[in-house]
Every structure is written in C-alpha cells, then in structure tokens.
Amino acid sequence: MDYTVYQKVTLFVLATATTLIGAFMAGIRIRKGGAGKVLRSTRDMMTVAFFSLGFPAFITVFFADVPDYVVYLSFCLDTVSYTLLSFAAFQMASDKPVGENRRLVVSAVILALLAFSVFIVYMEGEMPLALRILLSLIYALIACYMAYIFRSGSKAGKSPVRNWAAASFYSTLFMGFFSGMILTSPLMVKNLFSDAVIFIYTLLNVGYVISFSNRVYYPSYSGNKVRMPVGEDVLDEKKASVLKGRLDSWVENKCYLQDDAIEDVVSALGTDLDFFRQYFRLRMPSDFRTWRISLRVEYAKKLINEEPSISMNVLSGKSGFVSRSNFYHYFKKITGETPAEYKSRVCGEE
C-alpha cells in the first residue's frame, strides 16, 4: 500500500500524539481502595490502547512502500485499541468493572472478530461488494446494540468525566467502523476527510484524558469547583454529626440496595466526597464500598430467615447485587459460608 509524504507526516503527528497520551496515562498514579480498582483498570486499558494506536503508525512512517503485513498489523492493533477504549469508557461512565456487563463484552468481542475476518478476506483478495455491504450492516447493528447497552448502564450527565466517557464510547464505535470501511470499501478512501475525522477523534481523546486526570486527582470535581482535600486526621465534629444522622436515615430507608455510584450517594447525603471518605476512614470499620456490601449481605440473611423458600436469583437481586456470582462471592467472603449453606443451617434444611 502506497502512502504519500503528506499521509506519512499526518501519521507521524497522530502517532506522536497518541503515544504521548499513552505515556501520560501510564504516569497517572491512583491510590488503592474504594473506586481505585475501576480507575486503575480504566487507566491501564487506555494506556495500552493509545500505545497500540501509535506504534503501528510509527512503523508505517519508516516504510517507503508499506507491506501488506504492516497494514494488517496496524489494523489488528487498531481493533484491539478500540475494544479497550470502549471498555474503559463504559467503566468511567458507569463506575462498574466492564466484566459485570457480559452482554457488552460479548458484543465487543464479536465486533473484533468480525473486523478481523473482514480484513483477512481483504488481505487475501477482492471481496464482493454485496458481501462488504452485508458485513458492514452486521457491524453497524452490533455497534448500535452496544450503544444501547452502554446507554442503559451509563450515568452520563452526572459529571463531566462521564460525559467525556460517553462521547469517547460512541466515537470509538464509529472509528472502528470508519477505519474498517476506509480499508475495505471502494466507496471510501483515505483522504483529507478521513484524516480530519481521525484528528478530531484524537482531540476528543485529549479532552477525555484531561477529564480523567481531574477525576483521579480531584475526586469531587463537579465542573463548577474543586474541593481540596480536608485534613487527614482532624474531623469536623459538627459535619460528622450531621453526616451520621443522614447515614442512619439512608440505612433505615434501605438506600444501600440501590446501585448508586459513590458520587451520587455523597450528593444525596448533602456532603462532599473528601469529607465523606475521611469520615469513613476515621469513624467507620471499613471504606464505604465494603460497608455497603456488608449491609446488603445482612439484608440477604434477613430475607433468608423471613422467606426460606426464596430462590437465590431473586435473593441476589433483592439484596442489591448485580449478579448471582457477585452475590455468592461477597456473601461467602463476609460470612464464611455460601448463601445455600447459610440457608441450610438456619432453616434446618438437609
């Protein structure tokens, strides 16, 4: 495949930009605990994705006549990158590990396999136009289904970083489709328009990375102001007393069964995230996430005692867990026995 000097310069600029973004992401340090696990996973996905986008473009620049296998490598890495970026965007928009949404993972894997298969056929020879159109339609349908899954699971509109994550997710789906069409469709070719689309996409990711860094370094960032961290060991007793009363009401109303992100809980309690975390660090036996899970497990135990015939699927849903496997994991971790073992013991079942 031949590239003009202009295209090689464009590739070099974009490769440099994406590599620098990847290096910046790799340098972000995130504390362990709480929401840190999701943030670290998101950072790692984005780091690998941006390096994967930049690496093949650098290779392409150094070939006078780009061999087909280099184009193939570039396409493979692009596909991996777009998949990782879509996963990272989902985690930032929902505050949940992507593994908890199997439909999204399966759909993304199908898209990746479809993209690979299309390109393998393309590398081997000419593909009939009708087949290209059919595969493009299938790709578009799966992408629309992924967008539907994302929309139902995300909380875009709650904060700037979630809005950026949503924009990144939708544009990543489009870029995956767009890059495949550039390579395989006679109706689309690599030209100034395609370069402009890629450039805009890169700028969008710069905005996303900036917003992500704000989320890491200033957890209570809301778009209007940034609350700086309060003292590590000194707790405002008046604020602590108010927060305790509101937490008691929150527990009494069983709000811990709702699938709310920590930012939403903090907002509902009328405090700020830094003070909320400080309160749990100094006054509570564990962090908020662990404490909420323990409340859900206690509620599940209560339901078992009140309704011995309740099924495990219904029990996990009523207790606020996103899946049965998630429920089993935390129930055994906290109580030392599975829900079925607990039920058998307290209900006298054989």
Protein backbone atom coordinates (compact mmCIF):
# COMPACT_ATOMS: atom_id res chain seq x y z
CA MET A 1 0.00 0.00 0.00
CA ASP A 2 1.48 3.36 -1.03
CA TYR A 3 1.42 6.41 1.25
CA THR A 4 2.15 9.96 0.12
CA VAL A 5 4.55 12.24 2.01
CA TYR A 6 1.55 14.17 3.35
CA GLN A 7 -0.06 10.99 4.68
CA LYS A 8 3.19 9.91 6.34
CA VAL A 9 3.57 13.28 8.04
CA THR A 10 -0.04 13.05 9.21
CA LEU A 11 0.55 9.54 10.53
CA PHE A 12 3.69 10.69 12.36
CA VAL A 13 1.86 13.58 14.06
CA LEU A 14 -1.07 11.38 15.10
CA ALA A 15 1.25 8.59 16.24
CA THR A 16 3.21 11.07 18.37
CA ALA A 17 0.03 12.47 19.88
CA THR A 18 -1.45 9.07 20.79
CA THR A 19 1.88 7.83 22.17
CA LEU A 20 2.20 10.92 24.37
CA ILE A 21 -1.35 10.38 25.61
CA GLY A 22 -0.45 6.77 26.42
CA ALA A 23 2.70 7.90 28.28
CA PHE A 24 0.65 10.45 30.26
CA MET A 25 -1.91 7.80 31.20
CA ALA A 26 0.85 5.39 32.28
CA GLY A 27 2.22 8.08 34.60
CA ILE A 28 -1.05 8.63 36.47
CA ARG A 29 -0.83 7.17 39.98
CA ILE A 30 -4.06 6.02 41.63
CA ARG A 31 -4.46 5.08 45.28
CA LYS A 32 -5.65 1.60 46.15
CA GLY A 33 -9.05 1.01 47.72
CA GLY A 34 -12.56 2.28 47.07
CA ALA A 35 -13.15 3.24 43.46
CA GLY A 36 -9.40 2.95 42.77
CA LYS A 37 -9.73 -0.55 41.30
CA VAL A 38 -12.01 0.63 38.49
CA LEU A 39 -9.89 3.74 37.91
CA ARG A 40 -6.66 1.74 37.72
CA SER A 41 -8.23 -0.77 35.34
CA THR A 42 -9.50 2.09 33.16
CA ARG A 43 -6.08 3.77 33.18
CA ASP A 44 -4.36 0.53 32.16
CA MET A 45 -6.82 -0.12 29.32
CA MET A 46 -6.40 3.41 27.98
CA THR A 47 -2.61 3.23 28.26
CA VAL A 48 -2.40 0.02 26.24
CA ALA A 49 -4.96 1.32 23.73
CA PHE A 50 -3.13 4.58 23.00
CA PHE A 51 0.26 2.89 22.69
CA SER A 52 -1.35 0.33 20.35
CA LEU A 53 -2.73 3.13 18.19
CA GLY A 54 0.62 4.92 17.97
CA PHE A 55 3.03 2.01 17.47
CA PRO A 56 1.92 0.75 14.02
CA ALA A 57 1.66 4.31 12.69
CA PHE A 58 5.32 4.89 13.60
CA ILE A 59 6.29 1.68 11.79
CA THR A 60 4.36 2.77 8.69
CA VAL A 61 6.30 6.03 8.53
CA PHE A 62 9.61 4.18 8.05
CA PHE A 63 8.49 2.10 5.04
CA ALA A 64 8.75 3.57 1.54
CA ASP A 65 6.22 1.05 0.23
CA VAL A 66 4.18 -0.25 3.14
CA PRO A 67 3.94 -4.08 3.04
CA ASP A 68 0.52 -5.67 3.44
CA TYR A 69 1.54 -7.39 6.69
CA VAL A 70 2.29 -3.97 8.24
CA VAL A 71 -1.17 -2.77 7.24
CA TYR A 72 -2.58 -5.98 8.75
CA LEU A 73 -0.66 -5.42 12.00
CA SER A 74 -1.89 -1.85 12.14
CA PHE A 75 -5.49 -2.91 11.64
CA CYS A 76 -5.23 -5.66 14.30
CA LEU A 77 -3.79 -3.25 16.87
CA ASP A 78 -6.40 -0.62 16.00
CA THR A 79 -9.15 -3.18 16.58
CA VAL A 80 -7.69 -4.11 19.97
CA SER A 81 -7.32 -0.42 20.84
CA TYR A 82 -10.92 0.47 20.01
CA THR A 83 -12.18 -2.50 22.02
CA LEU A 84 -10.13 -1.46 25.08
CA LEU A 85 -11.21 2.18 24.74
CA SER A 86 -14.87 1.15 24.62
CA PHE A 87 -14.40 -0.94 27.78
CA ALA A 88 -12.59 1.92 29.53
CA ALA A 89 -15.32 4.39 28.58
CA PHE A 90 -18.00 2.04 29.95
CA GLN A 91 -16.20 1.75 33.28
CA MET A 92 -15.83 5.51 33.64
CA ALA A 93 -19.45 6.19 32.69
CA SER A 94 -20.91 3.51 34.99
CA ASP A 95 -18.32 3.18 37.80
CA LYS A 96 -18.51 -0.61 37.31
CA PRO A 97 -15.98 -3.13 36.02
CA VAL A 98 -16.78 -3.98 32.41
CA GLY A 99 -16.71 -7.67 33.34
CA GLU A 100 -20.01 -7.22 35.16
CA ASN A 101 -21.73 -6.49 31.85
CA ARG A 102 -21.31 -9.68 29.86
CA ARG A 103 -23.55 -8.51 27.02
CA LEU A 104 -21.22 -5.61 26.30
CA VAL A 105 -18.10 -7.79 26.48
CA VAL A 106 -19.57 -10.45 24.19
CA SER A 107 -20.76 -7.83 21.70
CA ALA A 108 -17.34 -6.17 21.64
CA VAL A 109 -15.59 -9.50 21.09
CA ILE A 110 -17.97 -10.29 18.21
CA LEU A 111 -17.22 -6.89 16.66
CA ALA A 112 -13.48 -7.50 16.98
CA LEU A 113 -13.74 -10.97 15.40
CA LEU A 114 -15.90 -9.56 12.60
CA ALA A 115 -13.35 -6.84 11.93
CA PHE A 116 -10.51 -9.37 11.85
CA SER A 117 -12.39 -11.68 9.50
CA VAL A 118 -13.25 -8.83 7.13
CA PHE A 119 -9.64 -7.77 6.96
CA ILE A 120 -8.34 -11.32 6.49
CA VAL A 121 -10.61 -11.69 3.46
CA TYR A 122 -9.49 -8.27 2.24
CA MET A 123 -5.82 -9.28 2.50
CA GLU A 124 -6.41 -12.48 0.56
CA GLY A 125 -8.14 -10.86 -2.37
CA GLU A 126 -11.05 -8.80 -3.63
CA MET A 127 -14.25 -9.07 -1.65
CA PRO A 128 -17.61 -8.92 -3.46
CA LEU A 129 -19.35 -5.59 -2.93
CA ALA A 130 -22.56 -7.31 -1.74
CA LEU A 131 -20.60 -9.16 0.97
CA ARG A 132 -18.91 -5.93 2.08
CA ILE A 133 -22.26 -4.20 2.40
CA LEU A 134 -23.73 -7.16 4.33
CA LEU A 135 -20.81 -7.29 6.78
CA SER A 136 -20.96 -3.52 7.20
CA LEU A 137 -24.66 -3.76 8.10
CA ILE A 138 -23.97 -6.54 10.61
CA TYR A 139 -21.18 -4.45 12.14
CA ALA A 140 -23.46 -1.41 12.36
CA LEU A 141 -26.25 -3.42 14.01
CA ILE A 142 -23.93 -4.84 16.66
CA ALA A 143 -22.46 -1.39 17.28
CA CYS A 144 -25.98 0.02 17.75
CA TYR A 145 -26.74 -2.79 20.20
CA MET A 146 -23.57 -1.95 22.14
CA ALA A 147 -24.61 1.70 22.22
CA TYR A 148 -27.98 0.64 23.64
CA ILE A 149 -26.30 -1.45 26.34
CA PHE A 150 -23.97 1.43 27.18
CA ARG A 151 -26.80 3.95 27.37
CA SER A 152 -28.82 1.76 29.74
CA GLY A 153 -25.82 1.17 32.03
CA SER A 154 -24.07 4.55 32.00
CA LYS A 155 -24.76 7.61 34.10
CA ALA A 156 -23.82 10.27 31.59
CA GLY A 157 -24.92 13.73 32.67
CA LYS A 158 -23.91 13.15 36.28
CA SER A 159 -20.39 14.57 35.88
CA PRO A 160 -18.04 15.92 33.19
CA VAL A 161 -15.85 12.80 33.11
CA ARG A 162 -18.89 10.59 32.48
CA ASN A 163 -19.98 12.85 29.64
CA TRP A 164 -16.50 12.65 28.11
CA ALA A 165 -16.53 8.88 28.59
CA ALA A 166 -19.89 8.64 26.79
CA ALA A 167 -18.57 10.75 23.91
CA SER A 168 -15.46 8.56 23.74
CA PHE A 169 -17.54 5.37 23.70
CA TYR A 170 -19.82 6.42 20.85
CA SER A 171 -16.98 7.92 18.80
CA THR A 172 -14.86 4.79 19.35
CA LEU A 173 -17.64 2.64 17.92
CA PHE A 174 -17.79 4.96 14.92
CA MET A 175 -14.00 4.96 14.47
CA GLY A 176 -13.88 1.16 14.49
CA PHE A 177 -16.44 1.10 11.70
CA PHE A 178 -14.89 4.03 9.85
CA SER A 179 -11.35 2.63 9.84
CA GLY A 180 -12.59 -0.72 8.54
CA MET A 181 -14.53 0.96 5.75
CA ILE A 182 -11.51 3.01 4.69
CA LEU A 183 -9.54 -0.18 4.16
CA THR A 184 -12.18 -2.49 2.69
CA SER A 185 -14.78 -0.37 0.90
CA PRO A 186 -14.38 1.06 -2.60
CA LEU A 187 -16.82 3.79 -1.59
CA MET A 188 -14.43 5.25 0.99
CA VAL A 189 -10.73 6.02 0.58
CA LYS A 190 -8.07 7.53 2.80
CA ASN A 191 -8.12 11.25 2.04
CA LEU A 192 -8.27 14.66 3.72
CA PHE A 193 -11.74 13.91 5.10
CA SER A 194 -10.64 10.69 6.76
CA ASP A 195 -7.57 12.42 8.23
CA ALA A 196 -9.80 15.16 9.61
CA VAL A 197 -12.06 12.58 11.28
CA ILE A 198 -9.06 10.87 12.89
CA PHE A 199 -7.67 14.25 14.01
CA ILE A 200 -10.98 15.23 15.65
CA TYR A 201 -11.14 11.84 17.34
CA THR A 202 -7.63 12.35 18.73
CA LEU A 203 -8.58 15.78 20.09
CA LEU A 204 -11.66 14.26 21.75
CA ASN A 205 -9.45 11.72 23.48
CA VAL A 206 -7.18 14.51 24.72
CA GLY A 207 -10.24 16.08 26.37
CA TYR A 208 -11.24 12.70 27.79
CA VAL A 209 -7.78 12.14 29.29
CA ILE A 210 -7.76 15.60 30.88
CA SER A 211 -11.19 14.93 32.40
CA PHE A 212 -10.00 11.52 33.61
CA SER A 213 -6.99 13.07 35.33
CA ASN A 214 -9.31 15.55 37.05
CA ARG A 215 -11.39 12.60 38.28
CA VAL A 216 -8.25 10.96 39.71
CA TYR A 217 -6.58 13.96 41.30
CA TYR A 218 -9.74 15.84 42.32
CA PRO A 219 -12.35 13.12 43.08
CA SER A 220 -15.08 15.63 43.93
CA TYR A 221 -14.64 17.57 40.69
CA SER A 222 -18.10 18.62 39.54
CA GLY A 223 -17.36 21.08 36.75
CA ASN A 224 -18.05 24.13 38.89
CA LYS A 225 -15.37 23.93 41.56
CA VAL A 226 -12.82 21.61 43.02
CA ARG A 227 -12.86 20.94 46.74
CA MET A 228 -9.32 20.45 48.00
CA PRO A 229 -8.68 17.57 50.41
CA VAL A 230 -9.51 18.23 54.07
CA GLY A 231 -7.11 17.48 56.92
CA GLU A 232 -6.07 13.87 57.24
CA ASP A 233 -6.69 13.42 60.98
CA VAL A 234 -8.95 16.27 62.08
CA LEU A 235 -12.66 15.66 61.57
CA ASP A 236 -15.21 18.46 61.72
CA GLU A 237 -17.43 17.17 64.55
CA LYS A 238 -20.44 19.22 63.53
CA LYS A 239 -20.33 17.95 59.96
CA ALA A 240 -19.64 14.43 61.24
CA SER A 241 -22.74 14.52 63.46
CA VAL A 242 -24.91 15.69 60.55
CA LEU A 243 -23.48 13.04 58.26
CA LYS A 244 -24.04 10.29 60.85
CA GLY A 245 -27.71 11.22 61.16
CA ARG A 246 -28.16 11.23 57.40
CA LEU A 247 -26.34 7.91 57.04
CA ASP A 248 -28.63 6.40 59.67
CA SER A 249 -31.66 7.55 57.66
CA TRP A 250 -30.02 6.29 54.49
CA VAL A 251 -29.64 2.84 56.04
CA GLU A 252 -33.16 2.89 57.53
CA ASN A 253 -34.60 3.61 54.07
CA LYS A 254 -32.56 0.71 52.62
CA CYS A 255 -30.85 3.01 50.12
CA TYR A 256 -27.86 0.67 50.22
CA LEU A 257 -29.85 -1.67 47.97
CA GLN A 258 -29.75 0.88 45.14
CA ASP A 259 -27.00 0.70 42.55
CA ASP A 260 -25.77 4.27 43.02
CA ALA A 261 -22.22 5.46 42.41
CA ILE A 262 -20.43 6.91 45.42
CA GLU A 263 -20.70 10.42 43.94
CA ASP A 264 -24.49 10.06 43.78
CA VAL A 265 -24.64 8.85 47.40
CA VAL A 266 -22.48 11.76 48.53
CA SER A 267 -24.71 14.21 46.68
CA ALA A 268 -27.86 12.69 48.20
CA LEU A 269 -26.35 13.00 51.69
CA GLY A 270 -25.51 16.66 51.13
CA THR A 271 -21.77 16.45 51.78
CA ASP A 272 -18.58 16.34 49.70
CA LEU A 273 -16.57 13.32 48.65
CA ASP A 274 -13.37 14.22 50.52
CA PHE A 275 -15.14 14.63 53.87
CA PHE A 276 -17.23 11.51 53.21
CA ARG A 277 -14.10 9.41 52.67
CA GLN A 278 -12.39 10.98 55.66
CA TYR A 279 -15.41 10.15 57.84
CA PHE A 280 -15.32 6.50 56.78
CA ARG A 281 -11.57 6.32 57.29
CA LEU A 282 -11.72 7.72 60.83
CA ARG A 283 -15.13 6.65 62.14
CA MET A 284 -16.24 3.55 60.26
CA PRO A 285 -14.86 -0.02 60.33
CA SER A 286 -14.23 -0.06 56.58
CA ASP A 287 -14.50 2.04 53.44
CA PHE A 288 -17.92 2.89 52.03
CA ARG A 289 -17.97 0.18 49.35
CA THR A 290 -17.15 -2.63 51.81
CA TRP A 291 -19.61 -1.24 54.37
CA ARG A 292 -22.44 -1.09 51.82
CA ILE A 293 -21.74 -4.66 50.71
CA SER A 294 -21.89 -5.84 54.33
CA LEU A 295 -25.29 -4.14 54.71
CA ARG A 296 -26.53 -5.96 51.62
CA VAL A 297 -25.29 -9.29 52.96
CA GLU A 298 -27.05 -8.68 56.30
CA TYR A 299 -30.24 -7.84 54.41
CA ALA A 300 -29.89 -11.07 52.40
CA LYS A 301 -29.57 -13.04 55.65
CA LYS A 302 -32.72 -11.36 56.93
CA LEU A 303 -34.60 -12.29 53.75
CA ILE A 304 -33.49 -15.92 54.07
CA ASN A 305 -34.85 -16.04 57.60
CA GLU A 306 -38.14 -14.41 56.61
CA GLU A 307 -38.59 -16.26 53.28
CA PRO A 308 -36.87 -19.68 53.43
CA SER A 309 -38.31 -20.64 50.03
CA ILE A 310 -36.80 -17.65 48.20
CA SER A 311 -34.66 -18.56 45.18
CA MET A 312 -31.02 -17.47 45.02
CA ASN A 313 -31.56 -15.43 41.85
CA VAL A 314 -34.38 -13.45 43.47
CA LEU A 315 -32.41 -13.16 46.70
CA SER A 316 -29.34 -11.69 44.97
CA GLY A 317 -31.47 -9.16 43.08
CA LYS A 318 -33.45 -8.09 46.15
CA SER A 319 -30.21 -7.70 48.10
CA GLY A 320 -28.81 -5.18 45.62
CA PHE A 321 -26.19 -7.33 43.89
CA VAL A 322 -25.68 -7.02 40.14
CA SER A 323 -25.29 -10.75 39.56
CA ARG A 324 -25.66 -14.07 41.34
CA SER A 325 -21.92 -14.79 41.15
CA ASN A 326 -21.17 -11.37 42.67
CA PHE A 327 -23.66 -12.13 45.46
CA TYR A 328 -22.15 -15.55 46.20
CA HIS A 329 -18.61 -14.12 46.25
CA TYR A 330 -19.30 -11.39 48.80
CA PHE A 331 -21.69 -13.44 50.93
CA LYS A 332 -19.07 -16.15 51.45
CA LYS A 333 -16.29 -13.59 51.91
CA ILE A 334 -18.18 -11.89 54.74
CA THR A 335 -19.98 -14.81 56.42
CA GLY A 336 -17.57 -17.65 55.66
CA GLU A 337 -20.30 -19.75 54.03
CA THR A 338 -22.31 -19.69 50.83
CA PRO A 339 -25.92 -18.45 50.83
CA ALA A 340 -27.08 -22.05 50.34
CA GLU A 341 -25.01 -23.25 53.30
CA TYR A 342 -26.32 -20.43 55.47
CA LYS A 343 -29.90 -21.18 54.42
CA SER A 344 -29.45 -24.88 55.17
CA ARG A 345 -28.01 -24.11 58.62
CA VAL A 346 -30.54 -21.53 59.83
CA CYS A 347 -33.59 -23.15 58.22
CA GLY A 348 -32.68 -26.69 59.17
CA GLU A 349 -32.65 -27.93 55.56
CA GLU A 350 -30.81 -31.10 54.60
